Amino acid sequence: MKNLTEEAKEVKLMLSIFGTGAATARLKNISGINLPDDFNALPEEEKEKRILGACKIAIEEDKPAGTPREVYNTLDEVYTDAKEHQVTAQELLNGRTHICGQWQAINLSDDLREQIITKVAETAGGRQQTKSRIYGVLRYGNPQHWALRRFLLVKYSPNPAHFSYCAGQDQTWEMRDLRNSLKK
C-alpha cells in the first residue's frame, strides 16, 4: 500500500503526462480526498492549480520539522537528523551543516567535538609535535581544507556512525598537504 506522499507524486506525474482528467480520476481513488461537487465545471487552469495544491500539501508533510537538537552528543544523532545529506568533518568542526532539512548552525558536545578532532588528527598522522599543532588548530580555530570535506559521516547498521576518510589516488600526499595546512 502506498503512503500519501507516493500517491501525491503519482497524481502529479499523471497531471503532467495525461492532464487534469486522469489526475482527477486518480485523486478520487485516494481515501480521505474529497473533491467539490462543482470540480468538473471549473476551468482547466483552476483544476490544475487545485490538484497541484493538494499534491504540494501531501508531499510537504513528509519534510522534517527544521529544528535541530540543542546539543548533539553522538555522531548517530547527527547522522539521523542529517537524513540524506552527506555530513563532513569540516562542517561539524565549523558548527554548520545541512540538518533537519536546512543549513543551520549546530552545537556539539565537548566530547563529540574531541572525538572528531582526534579522528582527523590521528588520520593525518605525523610526528607528535605536528599532531599537537593540528589538535590546537582543530580545537581552537576554524579549519578550512579540502581534505576535511573528505572525512565523511557513515553508518553501517547495527554499528554506530563514524567518520571515514575517502582517499583519492594519493592518500600519502593528501595527508601531507592536510598536515602542512593545519600545522601553520
N, C-alpha and C. Protein backbone atom coordinates (compact mmCIF):
# COMPACT_ATOMS: atom_id res chain seq x y z
N MET A 1 0.84 -1.19 0.00
CA MET A 1 0.00 0.00 0.00
C MET A 1 0.89 1.25 0.00
N LYS A 2 0.54 2.20 -0.83
CA LYS A 2 1.32 3.43 -0.95
C LYS A 2 0.92 4.41 0.14
N ASN A 3 1.90 5.21 0.57
CA ASN A 3 1.56 6.26 1.52
C ASN A 3 1.08 7.50 0.74
N LEU A 4 0.62 8.49 1.46
CA LEU A 4 0.03 9.67 0.85
C LEU A 4 1.04 10.43 -0.03
N THR A 5 2.29 10.46 0.39
CA THR A 5 3.32 11.15 -0.40
C THR A 5 3.51 10.49 -1.75
N GLU A 6 3.59 9.15 -1.76
CA GLU A 6 3.75 8.43 -3.01
C GLU A 6 2.55 8.62 -3.92
N GLU A 7 1.35 8.60 -3.33
CA GLU A 7 0.13 8.82 -4.11
C GLU A 7 0.14 10.22 -4.74
N ALA A 8 0.53 11.22 -3.96
CA ALA A 8 0.54 12.60 -4.45
C ALA A 8 1.55 12.76 -5.59
N LYS A 9 2.70 12.12 -5.47
CA LYS A 9 3.69 12.19 -6.54
C LYS A 9 3.16 11.53 -7.81
N GLU A 10 2.44 10.44 -7.64
CA GLU A 10 1.84 9.75 -8.80
C GLU A 10 0.79 10.62 -9.48
N VAL A 11 -0.03 11.30 -8.69
CA VAL A 11 -1.06 12.19 -9.24
C VAL A 11 -0.39 13.33 -10.00
N LYS A 12 0.67 13.88 -9.43
CA LYS A 12 1.38 14.98 -10.07
C LYS A 12 1.97 14.54 -11.41
N LEU A 13 2.50 13.33 -11.45
CA LEU A 13 3.04 12.78 -12.69
C LEU A 13 1.93 12.59 -13.72
N MET A 14 0.81 12.05 -13.28
CA MET A 14 -0.32 11.85 -14.19
C MET A 14 -0.82 13.17 -14.75
N LEU A 15 -0.84 14.19 -13.91
CA LEU A 15 -1.28 15.52 -14.35
C LEU A 15 -0.38 16.04 -15.46
N SER A 16 0.93 15.88 -15.29
CA SER A 16 1.85 16.41 -16.30
C SER A 16 1.82 15.59 -17.59
N ILE A 17 1.53 14.30 -17.49
CA ILE A 17 1.54 13.46 -18.69
C ILE A 17 0.18 13.41 -19.37
N PHE A 18 -0.88 13.10 -18.60
CA PHE A 18 -2.20 12.85 -19.18
C PHE A 18 -3.20 13.99 -19.02
N GLY A 19 -2.90 14.97 -18.17
CA GLY A 19 -3.80 16.10 -18.00
C GLY A 19 -4.68 15.98 -16.77
N THR A 20 -5.59 16.94 -16.63
CA THR A 20 -6.41 17.03 -15.42
C THR A 20 -7.42 15.89 -15.29
N GLY A 21 -7.91 15.36 -16.39
CA GLY A 21 -8.90 14.28 -16.33
C GLY A 21 -8.35 13.04 -15.64
N ALA A 22 -7.18 12.59 -16.05
CA ALA A 22 -6.56 11.39 -15.45
C ALA A 22 -6.16 11.66 -14.01
N ALA A 23 -5.62 12.86 -13.74
CA ALA A 23 -5.21 13.20 -12.38
C ALA A 23 -6.42 13.26 -11.45
N THR A 24 -7.54 13.80 -11.94
CA THR A 24 -8.77 13.87 -11.14
C THR A 24 -9.28 12.47 -10.83
N ALA A 25 -9.27 11.60 -11.82
CA ALA A 25 -9.72 10.22 -11.60
C ALA A 25 -8.84 9.53 -10.57
N ARG A 26 -7.55 9.78 -10.61
CA ARG A 26 -6.63 9.17 -9.63
C ARG A 26 -6.85 9.75 -8.24
N LEU A 27 -7.10 11.06 -8.16
CA LEU A 27 -7.37 11.70 -6.87
C LEU A 27 -8.61 11.13 -6.20
N LYS A 28 -9.63 10.83 -6.99
CA LYS A 28 -10.89 10.30 -6.45
C LYS A 28 -10.69 8.93 -5.79
N ASN A 29 -9.66 8.19 -6.22
CA ASN A 29 -9.40 6.86 -5.67
C ASN A 29 -8.58 6.88 -4.37
N ILE A 30 -8.07 8.05 -4.00
CA ILE A 30 -7.28 8.16 -2.77
C ILE A 30 -8.23 8.41 -1.61
N SER A 31 -8.13 7.55 -0.59
CA SER A 31 -9.04 7.71 0.55
C SER A 31 -8.71 9.00 1.30
N GLY A 32 -9.73 9.68 1.75
CA GLY A 32 -9.58 10.91 2.52
C GLY A 32 -9.58 12.16 1.68
N ILE A 33 -9.59 12.04 0.36
CA ILE A 33 -9.62 13.22 -0.51
C ILE A 33 -11.00 13.29 -1.15
N ASN A 34 -11.67 14.39 -0.89
CA ASN A 34 -13.00 14.63 -1.46
C ASN A 34 -12.95 15.87 -2.31
N LEU A 35 -13.33 15.74 -3.57
CA LEU A 35 -13.38 16.88 -4.47
C LEU A 35 -14.75 17.54 -4.38
N PRO A 36 -14.81 18.86 -4.55
CA PRO A 36 -16.10 19.53 -4.51
C PRO A 36 -17.00 19.06 -5.67
N ASP A 37 -18.31 19.16 -5.48
CA ASP A 37 -19.27 18.71 -6.49
C ASP A 37 -19.10 19.43 -7.82
N ASP A 38 -18.74 20.71 -7.78
CA ASP A 38 -18.62 21.50 -9.00
C ASP A 38 -17.19 21.48 -9.58
N PHE A 39 -16.35 20.54 -9.16
CA PHE A 39 -14.96 20.47 -9.60
C PHE A 39 -14.85 20.33 -11.12
N ASN A 40 -15.69 19.48 -11.72
CA ASN A 40 -15.63 19.27 -13.18
C ASN A 40 -16.06 20.50 -13.97
N ALA A 41 -16.81 21.42 -13.34
CA ALA A 41 -17.27 22.62 -14.02
C ALA A 41 -16.20 23.72 -14.02
N LEU A 42 -15.16 23.55 -13.23
CA LEU A 42 -14.10 24.56 -13.15
C LEU A 42 -13.29 24.59 -14.44
N PRO A 43 -12.69 25.75 -14.77
CA PRO A 43 -11.81 25.82 -15.94
C PRO A 43 -10.57 24.93 -15.72
N GLU A 44 -9.97 24.49 -16.80
CA GLU A 44 -8.81 23.58 -16.73
C GLU A 44 -7.68 24.16 -15.88
N GLU A 45 -7.41 25.44 -16.02
CA GLU A 45 -6.33 26.07 -15.25
C GLU A 45 -6.59 25.99 -13.75
N GLU A 46 -7.85 26.22 -13.36
CA GLU A 46 -8.22 26.16 -11.94
C GLU A 46 -8.12 24.72 -11.42
N LYS A 47 -8.56 23.76 -12.23
CA LYS A 47 -8.45 22.35 -11.84
C LYS A 47 -6.98 21.99 -11.58
N GLU A 48 -6.14 22.40 -12.53
CA GLU A 48 -4.71 22.08 -12.41
C GLU A 48 -4.12 22.72 -11.16
N LYS A 49 -4.49 23.98 -10.90
CA LYS A 49 -3.98 24.68 -9.72
C LYS A 49 -4.41 23.97 -8.43
N ARG A 50 -5.65 23.53 -8.35
CA ARG A 50 -6.15 22.85 -7.15
C ARG A 50 -5.51 21.47 -6.98
N ILE A 51 -5.32 20.76 -8.07
CA ILE A 51 -4.68 19.44 -7.99
C ILE A 51 -3.24 19.59 -7.50
N LEU A 52 -2.52 20.55 -8.08
CA LEU A 52 -1.14 20.79 -7.65
C LEU A 52 -1.07 21.24 -6.19
N GLY A 53 -2.03 22.04 -5.77
CA GLY A 53 -2.08 22.48 -4.37
C GLY A 53 -2.28 21.31 -3.42
N ALA A 54 -3.18 20.39 -3.77
CA ALA A 54 -3.43 19.21 -2.93
C ALA A 54 -2.18 18.33 -2.88
N CYS A 55 -1.52 18.18 -4.01
CA CYS A 55 -0.30 17.36 -4.06
C CYS A 55 0.82 18.00 -3.24
N LYS A 56 0.95 19.30 -3.34
CA LYS A 56 2.01 20.01 -2.63
C LYS A 56 1.86 19.82 -1.12
N ILE A 57 0.66 19.93 -0.63
CA ILE A 57 0.41 19.74 0.80
C ILE A 57 0.77 18.32 1.22
N ALA A 58 0.38 17.34 0.44
CA ALA A 58 0.65 15.93 0.77
C ALA A 58 2.14 15.64 0.76
N ILE A 59 2.87 16.21 -0.19
CA ILE A 59 4.30 15.94 -0.29
C ILE A 59 5.07 16.67 0.79
N GLU A 60 4.71 17.90 1.13
CA GLU A 60 5.45 18.68 2.11
C GLU A 60 5.25 18.20 3.54
N GLU A 61 4.20 17.45 3.82
CA GLU A 61 4.01 16.94 5.18
C GLU A 61 5.15 16.03 5.58
N ASP A 62 5.82 15.46 4.61
CA ASP A 62 6.88 14.50 4.83
C ASP A 62 8.19 15.16 5.29
N LYS A 63 8.33 16.47 5.13
CA LYS A 63 9.58 17.14 5.44
C LYS A 63 9.80 17.23 6.95
N PRO A 64 11.09 17.29 7.38
CA PRO A 64 11.39 17.38 8.80
C PRO A 64 11.01 18.73 9.39
N ALA A 65 10.94 18.78 10.70
CA ALA A 65 10.48 19.97 11.41
C ALA A 65 11.40 21.16 11.24
N GLY A 66 12.69 20.95 11.03
CA GLY A 66 13.61 22.05 10.86
C GLY A 66 14.22 22.55 12.14
N THR A 67 14.05 21.82 13.22
CA THR A 67 14.61 22.24 14.49
C THR A 67 15.67 21.22 14.94
N PRO A 68 16.93 21.64 14.98
CA PRO A 68 17.96 20.70 15.41
C PRO A 68 17.93 20.53 16.93
N ARG A 69 18.63 19.51 17.40
CA ARG A 69 18.75 19.31 18.84
C ARG A 69 19.54 20.47 19.43
N GLU A 70 19.35 20.68 20.71
CA GLU A 70 20.07 21.77 21.36
C GLU A 70 21.57 21.48 21.35
N VAL A 71 21.95 20.24 21.70
CA VAL A 71 23.35 19.81 21.68
C VAL A 71 23.40 18.39 21.15
N TYR A 72 24.29 18.14 20.21
CA TYR A 72 24.48 16.79 19.68
C TYR A 72 25.57 16.11 20.50
N ASN A 73 25.24 14.92 21.03
CA ASN A 73 26.18 14.19 21.88
C ASN A 73 26.86 13.03 21.17
N THR A 74 26.25 12.53 20.10
CA THR A 74 26.83 11.39 19.37
C THR A 74 26.73 11.64 17.87
N LEU A 75 27.57 10.92 17.14
CA LEU A 75 27.52 11.01 15.68
C LEU A 75 26.24 10.38 15.15
N ASP A 76 25.67 9.40 15.87
CA ASP A 76 24.40 8.81 15.46
C ASP A 76 23.29 9.85 15.43
N GLU A 77 23.26 10.75 16.41
CA GLU A 77 22.25 11.81 16.44
C GLU A 77 22.39 12.72 15.23
N VAL A 78 23.62 13.08 14.90
CA VAL A 78 23.88 13.94 13.73
C VAL A 78 23.45 13.21 12.46
N TYR A 79 23.84 11.94 12.35
CA TYR A 79 23.51 11.14 11.17
C TYR A 79 22.00 11.04 10.97
N THR A 80 21.27 10.81 12.05
CA THR A 80 19.82 10.68 11.98
C THR A 80 19.17 11.98 11.52
N ASP A 81 19.58 13.11 12.08
CA ASP A 81 18.97 14.39 11.73
C ASP A 81 19.40 14.89 10.35
N ALA A 82 20.55 14.44 9.86
CA ALA A 82 21.03 14.91 8.55
C ALA A 82 20.27 14.28 7.40
N LYS A 83 19.59 13.18 7.65
CA LYS A 83 18.83 12.45 6.62
C LYS A 83 19.72 12.12 5.43
N GLU A 84 19.43 12.65 4.24
CA GLU A 84 20.17 12.29 3.04
C GLU A 84 21.44 13.12 2.83
N HIS A 85 21.67 14.15 3.62
CA HIS A 85 22.86 15.00 3.43
C HIS A 85 24.11 14.27 3.88
N GLN A 86 25.17 14.37 3.10
CA GLN A 86 26.45 13.77 3.46
C GLN A 86 27.22 14.74 4.33
N VAL A 87 27.28 14.47 5.62
CA VAL A 87 27.95 15.35 6.58
C VAL A 87 29.45 15.13 6.53
N THR A 88 30.22 16.22 6.58
CA THR A 88 31.68 16.12 6.57
C THR A 88 32.25 16.63 7.90
N ALA A 89 33.50 16.28 8.16
CA ALA A 89 34.16 16.73 9.39
C ALA A 89 34.30 18.25 9.38
N GLN A 90 34.58 18.84 8.23
CA GLN A 90 34.74 20.29 8.17
C GLN A 90 33.45 21.00 8.60
N GLU A 91 32.30 20.49 8.15
CA GLU A 91 31.02 21.10 8.53
C GLU A 91 30.83 21.06 10.04
N LEU A 92 31.10 19.90 10.65
CA LEU A 92 30.88 19.78 12.09
C LEU A 92 31.89 20.60 12.88
N LEU A 93 33.14 20.61 12.46
CA LEU A 93 34.15 21.39 13.17
C LEU A 93 33.85 22.89 13.09
N ASN A 94 33.22 23.32 12.00
CA ASN A 94 32.87 24.73 11.83
C ASN A 94 31.48 25.06 12.38
N GLY A 95 30.77 24.03 12.87
CA GLY A 95 29.49 24.26 13.55
C GLY A 95 28.32 24.60 12.65
N ARG A 96 28.36 24.19 11.40
CA ARG A 96 27.24 24.47 10.49
C ARG A 96 27.12 23.35 9.47
N THR A 97 25.93 22.77 9.36
CA THR A 97 25.70 21.70 8.40
C THR A 97 24.25 21.69 7.97
N HIS A 98 23.94 20.87 6.99
CA HIS A 98 22.57 20.73 6.50
C HIS A 98 21.89 19.67 7.36
N ILE A 99 21.05 20.12 8.26
CA ILE A 99 20.44 19.21 9.22
C ILE A 99 18.98 19.58 9.40
N CYS A 100 18.13 18.61 9.59
CA CYS A 100 16.69 18.83 9.75
C CYS A 100 16.11 19.59 8.56
N GLY A 101 16.62 19.31 7.37
CA GLY A 101 16.04 19.87 6.16
C GLY A 101 16.56 21.22 5.73
N GLN A 102 17.52 21.80 6.44
CA GLN A 102 18.05 23.10 6.03
C GLN A 102 19.43 23.33 6.61
N TRP A 103 20.19 24.27 6.01
CA TRP A 103 21.51 24.61 6.54
C TRP A 103 21.31 25.43 7.80
N GLN A 104 21.96 25.01 8.87
CA GLN A 104 21.84 25.75 10.12
C GLN A 104 23.01 25.46 11.05
N ALA A 105 23.20 26.36 12.01
CA ALA A 105 24.26 26.19 13.00
C ALA A 105 23.86 25.09 13.97
N ILE A 106 24.85 24.32 14.40
CA ILE A 106 24.60 23.26 15.36
C ILE A 106 25.61 23.34 16.49
N ASN A 107 25.25 22.77 17.63
CA ASN A 107 26.13 22.72 18.79
C ASN A 107 26.52 21.28 19.05
N LEU A 108 27.82 21.04 19.18
CA LEU A 108 28.31 19.72 19.50
C LEU A 108 28.77 19.69 20.95
N SER A 109 28.58 18.56 21.60
CA SER A 109 29.10 18.43 22.96
C SER A 109 30.62 18.43 22.88
N ASP A 110 31.27 18.76 23.99
CA ASP A 110 32.74 18.79 24.01
C ASP A 110 33.32 17.41 23.68
N ASP A 111 32.69 16.36 24.18
CA ASP A 111 33.17 15.00 23.92
C ASP A 111 33.08 14.65 22.44
N LEU A 112 31.97 15.01 21.81
CA LEU A 112 31.80 14.72 20.39
C LEU A 112 32.80 15.51 19.55
N ARG A 113 32.98 16.77 19.87
CA ARG A 113 33.95 17.59 19.13
C ARG A 113 35.35 17.00 19.28
N GLU A 114 35.69 16.57 20.49
CA GLU A 114 37.00 15.97 20.73
C GLU A 114 37.17 14.66 19.95
N GLN A 115 36.10 13.90 19.83
CA GLN A 115 36.12 12.64 19.07
C GLN A 115 36.43 12.93 17.59
N ILE A 116 35.81 13.96 17.04
CA ILE A 116 36.04 14.33 15.64
C ILE A 116 37.48 14.82 15.44
N ILE A 117 37.95 15.68 16.35
CA ILE A 117 39.30 16.22 16.27
C ILE A 117 40.33 15.09 16.33
N THR A 118 40.11 14.14 17.24
CA THR A 118 41.03 13.00 17.38
C THR A 118 41.08 12.18 16.10
N LYS A 119 39.93 11.91 15.51
CA LYS A 119 39.88 11.13 14.27
C LYS A 119 40.66 11.82 13.15
N VAL A 120 40.45 13.12 12.99
CA VAL A 120 41.13 13.86 11.93
C VAL A 120 42.64 13.90 12.19
N ALA A 121 43.04 14.23 13.41
CA ALA A 121 44.46 14.35 13.73
C ALA A 121 45.18 13.01 13.62
N GLU A 122 44.57 11.95 14.09
CA GLU A 122 45.20 10.64 14.00
C GLU A 122 45.29 10.16 12.56
N THR A 123 44.30 10.46 11.74
CA THR A 123 44.34 10.07 10.33
C THR A 123 45.40 10.87 9.59
N ALA A 124 45.52 12.15 9.92
CA ALA A 124 46.53 13.00 9.28
C ALA A 124 47.93 12.52 9.63
N GLY A 125 48.11 12.00 10.84
CA GLY A 125 49.39 11.43 11.24
C GLY A 125 50.47 12.46 11.44
N GLY A 126 51.70 12.01 11.33
CA GLY A 126 52.84 12.89 11.53
C GLY A 126 53.48 12.67 12.89
N ARG A 127 54.52 13.44 13.17
CA ARG A 127 55.22 13.35 14.46
C ARG A 127 54.36 13.95 15.56
N GLN A 128 54.76 13.71 16.78
CA GLN A 128 53.97 14.17 17.93
C GLN A 128 53.82 15.69 17.95
N GLN A 129 54.88 16.41 17.63
CA GLN A 129 54.82 17.88 17.62
C GLN A 129 53.82 18.36 16.55
N THR A 130 53.82 17.72 15.40
CA THR A 130 52.88 18.07 14.33
C THR A 130 51.45 17.78 14.76
N LYS A 131 51.24 16.62 15.38
CA LYS A 131 49.89 16.27 15.86
C LYS A 131 49.40 17.27 16.90
N SER A 132 50.29 17.72 17.77
CA SER A 132 49.90 18.70 18.79
C SER A 132 49.44 20.00 18.15
N ARG A 133 50.16 20.44 17.12
CA ARG A 133 49.76 21.66 16.41
C ARG A 133 48.41 21.47 15.73
N ILE A 134 48.23 20.31 15.09
CA ILE A 134 46.98 20.03 14.40
C ILE A 134 45.82 20.01 15.39
N TYR A 135 46.02 19.36 16.55
CA TYR A 135 44.99 19.36 17.59
C TYR A 135 44.62 20.79 17.97
N GLY A 136 45.62 21.65 18.15
CA GLY A 136 45.36 23.03 18.54
C GLY A 136 44.56 23.79 17.49
N VAL A 137 44.94 23.64 16.23
CA VAL A 137 44.22 24.34 15.15
C VAL A 137 42.78 23.84 15.07
N LEU A 138 42.60 22.52 15.15
CA LEU A 138 41.24 21.97 15.06
C LEU A 138 40.40 22.36 16.27
N ARG A 139 41.03 22.41 17.43
CA ARG A 139 40.29 22.70 18.66
C ARG A 139 39.91 24.18 18.76
N TYR A 140 40.82 25.07 18.41
CA TYR A 140 40.59 26.49 18.67
C TYR A 140 40.38 27.33 17.41
N GLY A 141 40.61 26.77 16.26
CA GLY A 141 40.48 27.53 15.02
C GLY A 141 39.21 27.21 14.26
N ASN A 142 39.16 27.74 13.07
CA ASN A 142 38.07 27.50 12.15
C ASN A 142 38.68 26.83 10.91
N PRO A 143 38.96 25.52 11.02
CA PRO A 143 39.76 24.85 9.98
C PRO A 143 39.07 24.82 8.61
N GLN A 144 39.86 25.14 7.59
CA GLN A 144 39.38 25.10 6.21
C GLN A 144 40.42 24.36 5.38
N HIS A 145 40.06 23.23 4.85
CA HIS A 145 40.94 22.49 3.95
C HIS A 145 40.09 21.50 3.18
N TRP A 146 40.41 21.29 1.92
CA TRP A 146 39.61 20.40 1.10
C TRP A 146 39.58 18.98 1.65
N ALA A 147 40.65 18.52 2.28
CA ALA A 147 40.69 17.15 2.80
C ALA A 147 39.72 16.95 3.97
N LEU A 148 39.40 18.01 4.69
CA LEU A 148 38.43 17.88 5.79
C LEU A 148 37.03 17.58 5.26
N ARG A 149 36.78 17.95 4.01
CA ARG A 149 35.48 17.64 3.40
C ARG A 149 35.43 16.20 2.90
N ARG A 150 36.56 15.49 3.00
CA ARG A 150 36.60 14.09 2.57
C ARG A 150 36.46 13.13 3.74
N PHE A 151 36.37 13.67 4.97
CA PHE A 151 36.04 12.85 6.13
C PHE A 151 34.51 12.80 6.16
N LEU A 152 33.95 11.67 5.79
CA LEU A 152 32.51 11.56 5.62
C LEU A 152 31.89 10.77 6.77
N LEU A 153 30.74 11.25 7.23
CA LEU A 153 30.00 10.56 8.29
C LEU A 153 29.23 9.40 7.66
N VAL A 154 29.51 8.18 8.11
CA VAL A 154 28.87 6.99 7.56
C VAL A 154 28.32 6.13 8.69
N LYS A 155 27.34 5.31 8.35
CA LYS A 155 26.77 4.39 9.33
C LYS A 155 26.40 3.11 8.60
N TYR A 156 26.90 2.01 9.12
CA TYR A 156 26.56 0.69 8.61
C TYR A 156 25.90 -0.06 9.75
N SER A 157 24.63 -0.34 9.60
CA SER A 157 23.87 -0.98 10.69
C SER A 157 24.51 -2.29 11.06
N PRO A 158 24.47 -2.69 12.29
CA PRO A 158 23.99 -2.03 13.51
C PRO A 158 25.08 -1.22 14.21
N ASN A 159 26.21 -1.00 13.54
CA ASN A 159 27.33 -0.26 14.14
C ASN A 159 27.01 1.22 14.29
N PRO A 160 27.64 1.90 15.23
CA PRO A 160 27.40 3.34 15.38
C PRO A 160 28.01 4.13 14.21
N ALA A 161 27.53 5.33 14.00
CA ALA A 161 28.05 6.21 12.95
C ALA A 161 29.49 6.59 13.28
N HIS A 162 30.29 6.78 12.23
CA HIS A 162 31.69 7.16 12.42
C HIS A 162 32.17 7.91 11.18
N PHE A 163 33.34 8.56 11.31
CA PHE A 163 33.92 9.25 10.17
C PHE A 163 34.87 8.32 9.45
N SER A 164 34.80 8.37 8.13
CA SER A 164 35.66 7.56 7.28
C SER A 164 36.27 8.50 6.25
N TYR A 165 37.58 8.36 6.03
CA TYR A 165 38.24 9.22 5.05
C TYR A 165 38.13 8.60 3.67
N CYS A 166 37.66 9.37 2.71
CA CYS A 166 37.55 8.91 1.32
C CYS A 166 38.80 9.36 0.58
N ALA A 167 39.75 8.46 0.45
CA ALA A 167 41.05 8.79 -0.13
C ALA A 167 40.98 8.90 -1.64
N GLY A 168 41.81 9.78 -2.17
CA GLY A 168 41.96 9.90 -3.61
C GLY A 168 43.02 8.93 -4.08
N GLN A 169 43.68 9.26 -5.18
CA GLN A 169 44.69 8.35 -5.72
C GLN A 169 45.97 8.34 -4.90
N ASP A 170 46.24 9.43 -4.20
CA ASP A 170 47.50 9.52 -3.45
C ASP A 170 47.22 10.01 -2.03
N GLN A 171 46.82 9.09 -1.17
CA GLN A 171 46.48 9.46 0.20
C GLN A 171 47.69 10.00 0.95
N THR A 172 48.87 9.51 0.64
CA THR A 172 50.08 9.99 1.30
C THR A 172 50.26 11.49 1.07
N TRP A 173 50.13 11.92 -0.19
CA TRP A 173 50.24 13.35 -0.50
C TRP A 173 49.11 14.13 0.15
N GLU A 174 47.88 13.58 0.11
CA GLU A 174 46.73 14.27 0.69
C GLU A 174 46.93 14.55 2.18
N MET A 175 47.41 13.54 2.91
CA MET A 175 47.61 13.72 4.35
C MET A 175 48.76 14.69 4.62
N ARG A 176 49.81 14.64 3.80
CA ARG A 176 50.91 15.59 3.97
C ARG A 176 50.41 17.01 3.74
N ASP A 177 49.59 17.20 2.71
CA ASP A 177 49.03 18.53 2.42
C ASP A 177 48.14 19.00 3.57
N LEU A 178 47.33 18.10 4.12
CA LEU A 178 46.47 18.45 5.26
C LEU A 178 47.32 18.82 6.48
N ARG A 179 48.34 18.01 6.77
CA ARG A 179 49.23 18.31 7.91
C ARG A 179 49.88 19.67 7.75
N ASN A 180 50.43 19.91 6.57
CA ASN A 180 51.12 21.19 6.33
C ASN A 180 50.18 22.37 6.47
N SER A 181 48.94 22.20 6.02
CA SER A 181 47.98 23.30 6.11
C SER A 181 47.53 23.55 7.55
N LEU A 182 47.31 22.47 8.30
CA LEU A 182 46.77 22.63 9.65
C LEU A 182 47.82 22.95 10.70
N LYS A 183 49.09 22.72 10.43
CA LYS A 183 50.09 22.99 11.46
C LYS A 183 50.63 24.42 11.39
N LYS A 184 50.13 25.21 10.43
CA LYS A 184 50.59 26.61 10.30
C LYS A 184 49.98 27.49 11.36
